Protein backbone atom coordinates (compact mmCIF):
# COMPACT_ATOMS: atom_id res chain seq x y z
CA MET A 1 58.46 147.24 95.76
CA GLN A 2 59.49 150.19 97.90
CA GLN A 3 59.00 153.59 96.31
CA LEU A 4 60.34 156.92 97.42
CA GLU A 5 57.96 158.96 99.50
CA LYS A 6 57.26 162.44 98.27
CA PRO A 7 58.34 165.06 100.81
CA PRO A 8 56.24 168.21 101.20
CA SER A 9 57.12 170.82 98.57
CA PRO A 10 55.49 173.81 96.86
CA GLN A 11 53.13 172.90 94.05
CA ILE A 12 54.37 173.39 90.50
CA LYS A 13 52.09 172.43 87.65
CA LEU A 14 53.73 170.89 84.60
CA ASN A 15 52.15 169.81 81.37
CA GLY A 16 52.91 166.35 80.07
CA GLU A 17 51.35 163.00 79.25
CA SER A 18 51.84 160.08 81.61
CA THR A 19 53.19 158.00 78.71
CA THR A 20 56.04 160.42 77.97
CA GLY A 21 58.28 158.77 80.56
CA LEU A 22 57.76 155.31 79.07
CA PHE A 23 58.39 156.61 75.55
CA SER A 24 61.59 158.30 76.75
CA ALA A 25 62.73 155.12 78.50
CA ILE A 26 62.06 152.91 75.48
CA THR A 27 63.86 155.39 73.23
CA ILE A 28 66.97 155.51 75.43
CA ILE A 29 67.10 151.72 75.86
CA GLY A 30 66.47 151.16 72.15
CA ILE A 31 69.15 153.60 70.97
CA TRP A 32 71.63 152.20 73.51
CA ALA A 33 71.01 148.63 72.33
CA ALA A 34 71.13 149.45 68.61
CA SER A 35 74.25 151.54 69.02
CA LEU A 36 76.00 148.86 71.07
CA ILE A 37 75.14 146.08 68.61
CA TYR A 38 76.51 148.16 65.75
CA LEU A 39 79.70 149.22 67.53
CA LEU A 40 80.43 145.67 68.67
CA SER A 41 80.17 144.43 65.08
CA VAL A 42 82.35 147.00 63.29
CA ASP A 43 85.99 146.56 62.39
CA ILE A 44 87.61 149.28 64.50
CA SER A 45 90.98 148.73 62.84
CA LYS A 46 89.52 150.85 60.04
CA PHE A 47 88.65 153.65 62.50
CA ASN A 48 90.98 156.47 63.42
CA PHE A 49 91.51 157.51 67.03
CA LEU A 50 88.96 160.34 66.90
CA THR A 51 86.20 158.05 65.57
CA VAL A 52 86.83 155.51 68.33
CA LEU A 53 86.87 158.29 70.92
CA LEU A 54 83.55 159.66 69.67
CA GLY A 55 82.10 156.15 69.88
CA VAL A 56 83.25 155.83 73.49
CA ILE A 57 81.79 159.24 74.40
CA TRP A 58 78.50 158.44 72.65
CA GLN A 59 78.13 155.12 74.45
CA THR A 60 79.02 156.77 77.77
CA PHE A 61 76.20 159.26 77.25
CA LEU A 62 73.75 156.46 76.49
CA TYR A 63 74.87 154.45 79.52
CA THR A 64 74.18 157.51 81.66
CA GLY A 65 70.73 157.63 80.08
CA LEU A 66 70.10 154.04 81.20
CA PHE A 67 70.87 154.94 84.79
CA ILE A 68 68.79 158.12 84.68
CA THR A 69 65.90 156.03 83.35
CA ALA A 70 66.26 153.62 86.27
CA HIS A 71 66.47 156.57 88.64
CA ASP A 72 63.20 158.00 87.33
CA ALA A 73 61.61 154.57 87.72
CA MET A 74 62.60 154.64 91.39
CA HIS A 75 60.55 157.83 91.67
CA GLY A 76 57.63 156.24 89.85
CA VAL A 77 57.66 158.60 86.87
CA VAL A 78 58.63 156.28 84.00
CA PHE A 79 55.07 154.92 83.83
CA PRO A 80 52.91 156.24 86.69
CA LYS A 81 49.82 154.40 85.42
CA ASN A 82 51.32 150.97 86.11
CA SER A 83 53.88 150.46 88.88
CA LYS A 84 54.81 146.95 87.68
CA ILE A 85 55.77 148.23 84.24
CA ASN A 86 57.48 151.23 85.81
CA HIS A 87 59.67 149.09 88.07
CA PHE A 88 60.30 146.51 85.33
CA VAL A 89 61.76 149.23 83.12
CA GLY A 90 63.90 150.42 86.03
CA SER A 91 65.14 146.89 86.75
CA LEU A 92 65.91 146.25 83.08
CA SER A 93 67.81 149.53 82.78
CA LEU A 94 70.04 148.69 85.74
CA LEU A 95 70.72 145.17 84.49
CA LEU A 96 71.77 146.56 81.11
CA TYR A 97 73.78 149.29 82.80
CA GLY A 98 75.92 147.00 84.92
CA TRP A 99 73.97 144.09 86.40
CA LEU A 100 72.90 146.27 89.34
CA SER A 101 70.10 145.30 91.72
CA TYR A 102 67.11 147.62 91.41
CA ASN A 103 65.72 146.58 94.81
CA LYS A 104 68.97 147.37 96.59
CA LEU A 105 69.46 150.69 94.82
CA ILE A 106 65.95 151.95 95.47
CA LYS A 107 66.46 151.43 99.21
CA LYS A 108 69.75 153.32 99.13
CA HIS A 109 68.24 156.08 97.03
CA TRP A 110 65.41 156.37 99.56
CA LEU A 111 68.03 156.93 102.27
CA HIS A 112 69.79 159.50 100.09
CA HIS A 113 66.64 161.61 99.68
CA HIS A 114 65.65 161.46 103.32
CA HIS A 115 69.12 162.01 104.78
CA PRO A 116 71.07 163.92 102.10
CA ALA A 117 74.74 164.67 102.70
CA SER A 118 74.76 163.02 106.12
CA GLU A 119 76.22 159.93 107.73
CA LEU A 120 73.00 158.07 106.84
CA ASP A 121 73.36 158.97 103.15
CA PRO A 122 75.00 156.04 101.29
CA ASP A 123 76.06 158.44 98.50
CA PHE A 124 77.92 160.80 100.84
CA HIS A 125 81.53 160.56 101.98
CA ASN A 126 82.41 159.35 105.46
CA GLY A 127 83.96 162.63 106.58
CA GLN A 128 87.44 161.58 105.45
CA HIS A 129 87.07 160.91 101.72
CA LYS A 130 86.09 164.44 100.71
CA ASN A 131 88.14 164.98 97.55
CA PHE A 132 86.81 163.82 94.21
CA PHE A 133 88.84 160.64 93.70
CA SER A 134 88.63 159.21 97.21
CA TRP A 135 84.94 160.10 97.49
CA TYR A 136 84.28 158.42 94.12
CA LEU A 137 86.03 155.22 95.21
CA TYR A 138 84.15 155.27 98.52
CA PHE A 139 80.91 155.86 96.60
CA MET A 140 81.54 152.99 94.19
CA LYS A 141 82.42 150.59 97.01
CA ASN A 142 78.85 151.01 98.29
CA TYR A 143 77.32 150.00 94.96
CA TRP A 144 79.60 147.37 93.44
CA SER A 145 80.07 143.78 94.58
CA TRP A 146 82.26 140.84 93.65
CA GLN A 147 79.18 139.09 92.31
CA GLN A 148 78.59 141.85 89.77
CA ILE A 149 82.25 141.86 88.74
CA ILE A 150 82.21 138.07 88.24
CA VAL A 151 78.97 138.18 86.20
CA LEU A 152 80.19 141.03 83.99
CA THR A 153 83.57 139.37 83.49
CA GLY A 154 81.74 136.20 82.47
CA ILE A 155 79.56 138.13 79.99
CA TYR A 156 82.66 139.80 78.57
CA ASN A 157 84.49 136.50 77.99
CA LEU A 158 81.45 134.60 76.72
CA SER A 159 80.77 137.40 74.25
CA HIS A 160 84.32 137.12 73.01
CA PHE A 161 84.71 133.33 72.83
CA LEU A 162 81.16 132.30 71.87
CA LEU A 163 79.97 135.28 69.82
CA HIS A 164 83.47 136.10 68.53
CA ILE A 165 83.17 139.78 69.38
CA PRO A 166 86.66 141.35 69.36
CA ARG A 167 88.01 142.27 72.79
CA TRP A 168 88.83 145.81 71.63
CA ASN A 169 85.19 146.40 70.69
CA LEU A 170 83.97 144.99 73.99
CA SER A 171 86.44 147.11 75.93
CA TYR A 172 85.96 150.39 74.06
CA PHE A 173 82.20 150.32 73.57
CA TRP A 174 80.89 148.18 76.45
CA ALA A 175 83.24 148.15 79.44
CA VAL A 176 84.93 151.57 79.29
CA PRO A 177 81.70 153.60 78.69
CA ALA A 178 80.05 151.96 81.71
CA VAL A 179 82.96 153.00 83.95
CA LEU A 180 83.10 156.52 82.47
CA SER A 181 79.35 156.84 82.94
CA SER A 182 79.72 156.09 86.65
CA VAL A 183 82.24 158.93 86.87
CA GLN A 184 79.88 161.23 84.98
CA LEU A 185 76.93 160.37 87.22
CA PHE A 186 78.98 160.77 90.38
CA TYR A 187 80.53 164.09 89.36
CA PHE A 188 77.36 165.80 88.13
CA GLY A 189 74.83 164.01 90.34
CA THR A 190 76.63 163.72 93.67
CA PHE A 191 79.98 165.49 93.95
CA LEU A 192 79.06 168.91 92.54
CA PRO A 193 75.51 169.28 93.90
CA HIS A 194 76.15 167.80 97.35
CA GLN A 195 79.65 169.09 98.02
CA GLU A 196 79.58 171.09 101.23
CA PRO A 197 79.90 174.88 100.65
CA GLU A 198 82.57 176.78 102.55
CA GLU A 199 79.87 178.46 104.65
CA GLY A 200 78.20 175.11 105.34
CA TYR A 201 74.81 173.76 104.30
CA SER A 202 71.88 176.14 104.60
CA ASP A 203 69.23 174.21 102.66
CA PRO A 204 67.43 171.19 104.18
CA HIS A 205 68.05 169.21 100.99
CA ARG A 206 71.78 169.96 101.23
CA ALA A 207 71.85 170.24 97.47
CA GLN A 208 72.67 173.02 95.06
CA THR A 209 71.82 173.63 91.44
CA ILE A 210 74.57 173.91 88.83
CA SER A 211 72.81 176.12 86.30
CA ARG A 212 73.86 175.67 82.68
CA PRO A 213 72.26 176.31 79.29
CA VAL A 214 69.59 173.65 78.73
CA TRP A 215 71.47 171.95 75.89
CA LEU A 216 74.64 171.71 77.98
CA SER A 217 72.69 170.57 81.03
CA PHE A 218 71.27 167.73 78.93
CA ILE A 219 74.63 166.69 77.53
CA THR A 220 76.44 166.73 80.86
CA CYS A 221 74.02 164.52 82.78
CA TYR A 222 70.40 164.65 81.59
CA HIS A 223 69.66 167.82 83.58
CA PHE A 224 70.89 166.41 86.90
CA GLY A 225 72.65 169.70 87.43
CA TYR A 226 69.24 171.00 88.52
CA HIS A 227 69.75 168.96 91.62
CA LYS A 228 68.12 171.16 94.21
CA GLU A 229 64.98 171.13 92.09
CA HIS A 230 65.16 167.34 91.92
CA HIS A 231 65.27 167.05 95.71
CA GLU A 232 62.46 169.55 96.12
CA TYR A 233 60.30 167.85 93.46
CA PRO A 234 61.50 164.21 93.39
CA HIS A 235 58.52 163.04 91.33
CA VAL A 236 59.36 165.34 88.44
CA ALA A 237 60.92 163.58 85.44
CA TRP A 238 64.46 164.40 84.35
CA TRP A 239 63.40 166.30 81.20
CA GLN A 240 61.09 168.54 83.26
CA LEU A 241 63.77 169.81 85.65
CA PRO A 242 64.78 172.82 83.50
CA GLU A 243 61.13 173.90 83.43
CA VAL A 244 60.89 173.58 87.21
CA TYR A 245 64.02 175.71 87.57
CA LYS A 246 62.55 178.31 85.23
CA LEU A 247 59.21 178.39 87.03
CA LYS A 248 60.93 178.77 90.40
CA SER A 249 63.13 181.57 89.10
CA HIS A 250 60.06 183.54 87.98
CA SER A 251 57.92 182.82 91.01
């Protein structure tokens, strides 16, 4: 299993147990699963529009948490004591997220960290698709395949015909949140932090931090707004990024 190499960076000492990442991962996966099971079983005809909307937003947030968990596993910080468990959690998170291949994504993420915002970066636009929508479609084309679409379509229909889960529930709380989560991850994790400034890139990581209050940073994308800090300290877990930003600001 390929793991991202840690580029040279200033030393920042953070307190935290090595099991915190695993506990966080299990919590996110567990809440996602419990929430999905409940929302797929309810009669949404008794819900008003606002309740359904809140359910969609909640599931979108949890889907984003699944991907962030897989991302941390790629950096070896979900369970540093045991790489097999660490990568298993990452693989499971991506399967639950959208039947994505962990092995393929870790290779692409390795390229992203070593060649950020360049023609070798699979997350970056090709020089033509610079606006949000075209860049997003170009981005998604690099990560989605017909095989995934066929598998997910099969799961959707089997869940409906064999488990008798209503299509509206599957659409609102399973399919739509996954798509919205991809938009959320792209906007806060790629588009905003790696968008080229008017004066051009001046930092070797070609990333910028979108500073927000900690609570808002968490809600928007699990602190991925602290993106420059993530590239400087790629083996720091997502919940530690605000602390890294604070320590850097006072250093």
